[in-house]
């Protein structure tokens, strides 16, 4: 990746990719499954961190973005309920993601 300003990066293939900062300032998910999406962990990256709540706008989003947030909420709730072998740190991460996805649904629904 090569940075061009604070809003865009260029991949080795020459594709322009929006930065996490740009997407955070926008305030909502476009459901294009952006590589740096701070709203929905589209790529199931284990080190993904949700955006701070202050960046999540109250707005209407595409049905695809809302469905993505609902699917991720259901997934994390199921993980937390069904697997008792998580460490305290892993449980904390799951709980934070559940809170995040509930916030998205509340503000975007």
C-alpha atoms as a PDB file:
ATOM      1  CA  UNK A   1       0.000   0.000   0.000  1.00  0.00           C
ATOM      2  CA  UNK A   2       1.074   3.499  -0.784  1.00  0.00           C
ATOM      3  CA  UNK A   3      -0.637   6.395   1.056  1.00  0.00           C
ATOM      4  CA  UNK A   4      -1.787   9.429  -0.909  1.00  0.00           C
ATOM      5  CA  UNK A   5      -3.024  11.821   1.721  1.00  0.00           C
ATOM      6  CA  UNK A   6      -5.051  10.797   4.715  1.00  0.00           C
ATOM      7  CA  UNK A   7      -8.070   9.532   2.777  1.00  0.00           C
ATOM      8  CA  UNK A   8      -6.719   7.104   0.174  1.00  0.00           C
ATOM      9  CA  UNK A   9      -4.170   4.343  -0.282  1.00  0.00           C
ATOM     10  CA  UNK A  10      -3.075   2.770  -3.558  1.00  0.00           C
ATOM     11  CA  UNK A  11      -2.571  -0.983  -3.716  1.00  0.00           C
ATOM     12  CA  UNK A  12       0.248  -2.596  -5.697  1.00  0.00           C
ATOM     13  CA  UNK A  13      -2.421  -3.357  -8.328  1.00  0.00           C
ATOM     14  CA  UNK A  14      -3.126   0.386  -8.644  1.00  0.00           C
ATOM     15  CA  UNK A  15      -6.513   0.329  -6.901  1.00  0.00           C
ATOM     16  CA  UNK A  16      -7.552   3.257  -4.718  1.00  0.00           C
ATOM     17  CA  UNK A  17      -8.680   2.134  -1.250  1.00  0.00           C
ATOM     18  CA  UNK A  18     -10.425   4.428   1.236  1.00  0.00           C
ATOM     19  CA  UNK A  19      -8.596   4.674   4.567  1.00  0.00           C
ATOM     20  CA  UNK A  20     -10.163   3.808   7.897  1.00  0.00           C
ATOM     21  CA  UNK A  21      -9.987   7.499   8.825  1.00  0.00           C
ATOM     22  CA  UNK A  22     -11.943   8.549   5.754  1.00  0.00           C
ATOM     23  CA  UNK A  23     -14.588   5.875   6.311  1.00  0.00           C
ATOM     24  CA  UNK A  24     -14.873   6.781  10.010  1.00  0.00           C
ATOM     25  CA  UNK A  25     -15.448  10.458   9.229  1.00  0.00           C
ATOM     26  CA  UNK A  26     -18.161   9.499   6.725  1.00  0.00           C
ATOM     27  CA  UNK A  27     -20.209   8.072   9.602  1.00  0.00           C
ATOM     28  CA  UNK A  28     -21.872   5.046   8.029  1.00  0.00           C
ATOM     29  CA  UNK A  29     -21.233   1.869   6.035  1.00  0.00           C
ATOM     30  CA  UNK A  30     -21.886   1.850   2.281  1.00  0.00           C
ATOM     31  CA  UNK A  31     -22.018  -1.992   2.197  1.00  0.00           C
ATOM     32  CA  UNK A  32     -19.362  -2.197  -0.530  1.00  0.00           C
ATOM     33  CA  UNK A  33     -17.311  -4.351   1.865  1.00  0.00           C
ATOM     34  CA  UNK A  34     -14.471  -1.829   1.971  1.00  0.00           C
ATOM     35  CA  UNK A  35     -11.104  -3.255   2.983  1.00  0.00           C
ATOM     36  CA  UNK A  36     -10.774  -0.769   5.868  1.00  0.00           C
ATOM     37  CA  UNK A  37     -14.432  -0.655   6.953  1.00  0.00           C
ATOM     38  CA  UNK A  38     -14.594   0.373  10.630  1.00  0.00           C
ATOM     39  CA  UNK A  39     -18.317  -0.423  10.910  1.00  0.00           C
ATOM     40  CA  UNK A  40     -18.706  -4.047   9.808  1.00  0.00           C
ATOM     41  CA  UNK A  41     -15.990  -6.694   9.890  1.00  0.00           C
ATOM     42  CA  UNK A  42     -16.807  -7.897   6.353  1.00  0.00           C
ATOM     43  CA  UNK A  43     -13.576  -9.895   6.059  1.00  0.00           C
ATOM     44  CA  UNK A  44     -13.762 -11.547   9.508  1.00  0.00           C
ATOM     45  CA  UNK A  45     -10.336 -10.188  10.410  1.00  0.00           C
ATOM     46  CA  UNK A  46      -9.416 -11.312  13.940  1.00  0.00           C
ATOM     47  CA  UNK A  47      -7.661  -8.010  14.751  1.00  0.00           C
ATOM     48  CA  UNK A  48     -10.500  -5.792  13.463  1.00  0.00           C
ATOM     49  CA  UNK A  49     -11.557  -2.984  15.799  1.00  0.00           C
ATOM     50  CA  UNK A  50     -14.927  -1.204  15.599  1.00  0.00           C
ATOM     51  CA  UNK A  51     -15.076   2.547  15.161  1.00  0.00           C
ATOM     52  CA  UNK A  52     -15.774   4.668  18.252  1.00  0.00           C
ATOM     53  CA  UNK A  53     -19.477   5.287  18.873  1.00  0.00           C
ATOM     54  CA  UNK A  54     -19.090   9.038  18.319  1.00  0.00           C
ATOM     55  CA  UNK A  55     -18.389   8.352  14.611  1.00  0.00           C
ATOM     56  CA  UNK A  56     -21.612   6.383  13.992  1.00  0.00           C
ATOM     57  CA  UNK A  57     -24.203   8.705  12.469  1.00  0.00           C
ATOM     58  CA  UNK A  58     -27.946   8.349  12.865  1.00  0.00           C
ATOM     59  CA  UNK A  59     -28.896   7.795   9.249  1.00  0.00           C
ATOM     60  CA  UNK A  60     -30.581   5.439   6.868  1.00  0.00           C
ATOM     61  CA  UNK A  61     -28.212   2.975   5.249  1.00  0.00           C
ATOM     62  CA  UNK A  62     -28.676   0.446   2.481  1.00  0.00           C
ATOM     63  CA  UNK A  63     -30.562  -2.721   3.391  1.00  0.00           C
ATOM     64  CA  UNK A  64     -27.318  -4.616   2.704  1.00  0.00           C
ATOM     65  CA  UNK A  65     -25.406  -2.615   5.356  1.00  0.00           C
ATOM     66  CA  UNK A  66     -28.172  -3.099   7.926  1.00  0.00           C
ATOM     67  CA  UNK A  67     -28.357  -6.827   7.132  1.00  0.00           C
ATOM     68  CA  UNK A  68     -24.568  -7.058   7.516  1.00  0.00           C
ATOM     69  CA  UNK A  69     -24.730  -5.493  10.977  1.00  0.00           C
ATOM     70  CA  UNK A  70     -27.611  -7.791  11.969  1.00  0.00           C
ATOM     71  CA  UNK A  71     -25.767 -10.871  10.713  1.00  0.00           C
ATOM     72  CA  UNK A  72     -22.605  -9.957  12.593  1.00  0.00           C
ATOM     73  CA  UNK A  73     -24.584  -9.281  15.775  1.00  0.00           C
ATOM     74  CA  UNK A  74     -26.247 -12.700  15.530  1.00  0.00           C
ATOM     75  CA  UNK A  75     -22.896 -14.363  14.813  1.00  0.00           C
ATOM     76  CA  UNK A  76     -21.146 -12.819  17.831  1.00  0.00           C
ATOM     77  CA  UNK A  77     -24.092 -13.474  20.155  1.00  0.00           C
ATOM     78  CA  UNK A  78     -24.070 -17.109  19.059  1.00  0.00           C
ATOM     79  CA  UNK A  79     -20.299 -17.380  19.544  1.00  0.00           C
ATOM     80  CA  UNK A  80     -20.552 -15.959  23.050  1.00  0.00           C
ATOM     81  CA  UNK A  81     -23.436 -18.269  23.970  1.00  0.00           C
ATOM     82  CA  UNK A  82     -22.202 -21.520  22.437  1.00  0.00           C
ATOM     83  CA  UNK A  83     -18.498 -21.549  23.261  1.00  0.00           C
ATOM     84  CA  UNK A  84     -17.471 -21.570  26.903  1.00  0.00           C
ATOM     85  CA  UNK A  85     -13.756 -22.001  26.140  1.00  0.00           C
ATOM     86  CA  UNK A  86     -13.008 -18.324  25.491  1.00  0.00           C
ATOM     87  CA  UNK A  87     -10.467 -16.542  27.613  1.00  0.00           C
ATOM     88  CA  UNK A  88     -11.604 -13.464  29.519  1.00  0.00           C
ATOM     89  CA  UNK A  89      -9.927 -11.272  26.881  1.00  0.00           C
ATOM     90  CA  UNK A  90     -11.696 -13.055  24.018  1.00  0.00           C
ATOM     91  CA  UNK A  91     -15.051 -12.761  25.804  1.00  0.00           C
ATOM     92  CA  UNK A  92     -14.415  -9.063  26.299  1.00  0.00           C
ATOM     93  CA  UNK A  93     -13.755  -8.599  22.566  1.00  0.00           C
ATOM     94  CA  UNK A  94     -16.946 -10.476  21.654  1.00  0.00           C
ATOM     95  CA  UNK A  95     -18.991  -8.414  24.108  1.00  0.00           C
ATOM     96  CA  UNK A  96     -17.557  -5.157  22.712  1.00  0.00           C
ATOM     97  CA  UNK A  97     -18.455  -6.231  19.190  1.00  0.00           C
ATOM     98  CA  UNK A  98     -21.989  -7.109  20.288  1.00  0.00           C
ATOM     99  CA  UNK A  99     -22.381  -3.635  21.808  1.00  0.00           C
ATOM    100  CA  UNK A 100     -20.999  -2.108  18.593  1.00  0.00           C
ATOM    101  CA  UNK A 101     -23.379  -3.976  16.272  1.00  0.00           C
ATOM    102  CA  UNK A 102     -26.364  -3.156  18.493  1.00  0.00           C
ATOM    103  CA  UNK A 103     -25.395   0.525  18.252  1.00  0.00           C
ATOM    104  CA  UNK A 104     -25.210   0.309  14.457  1.00  0.00           C
ATOM    105  CA  UNK A 105     -28.655  -1.283  14.252  1.00  0.00           C
ATOM    106  CA  UNK A 106     -30.125   1.312  16.610  1.00  0.00           C
ATOM    107  CA  UNK A 107     -28.702   4.264  14.668  1.00  0.00           C
ATOM    108  CA  UNK A 108     -29.209   2.874  11.169  1.00  0.00           C
ATOM    109  CA  UNK A 109     -32.517   1.053  11.546  1.00  0.00           C
END
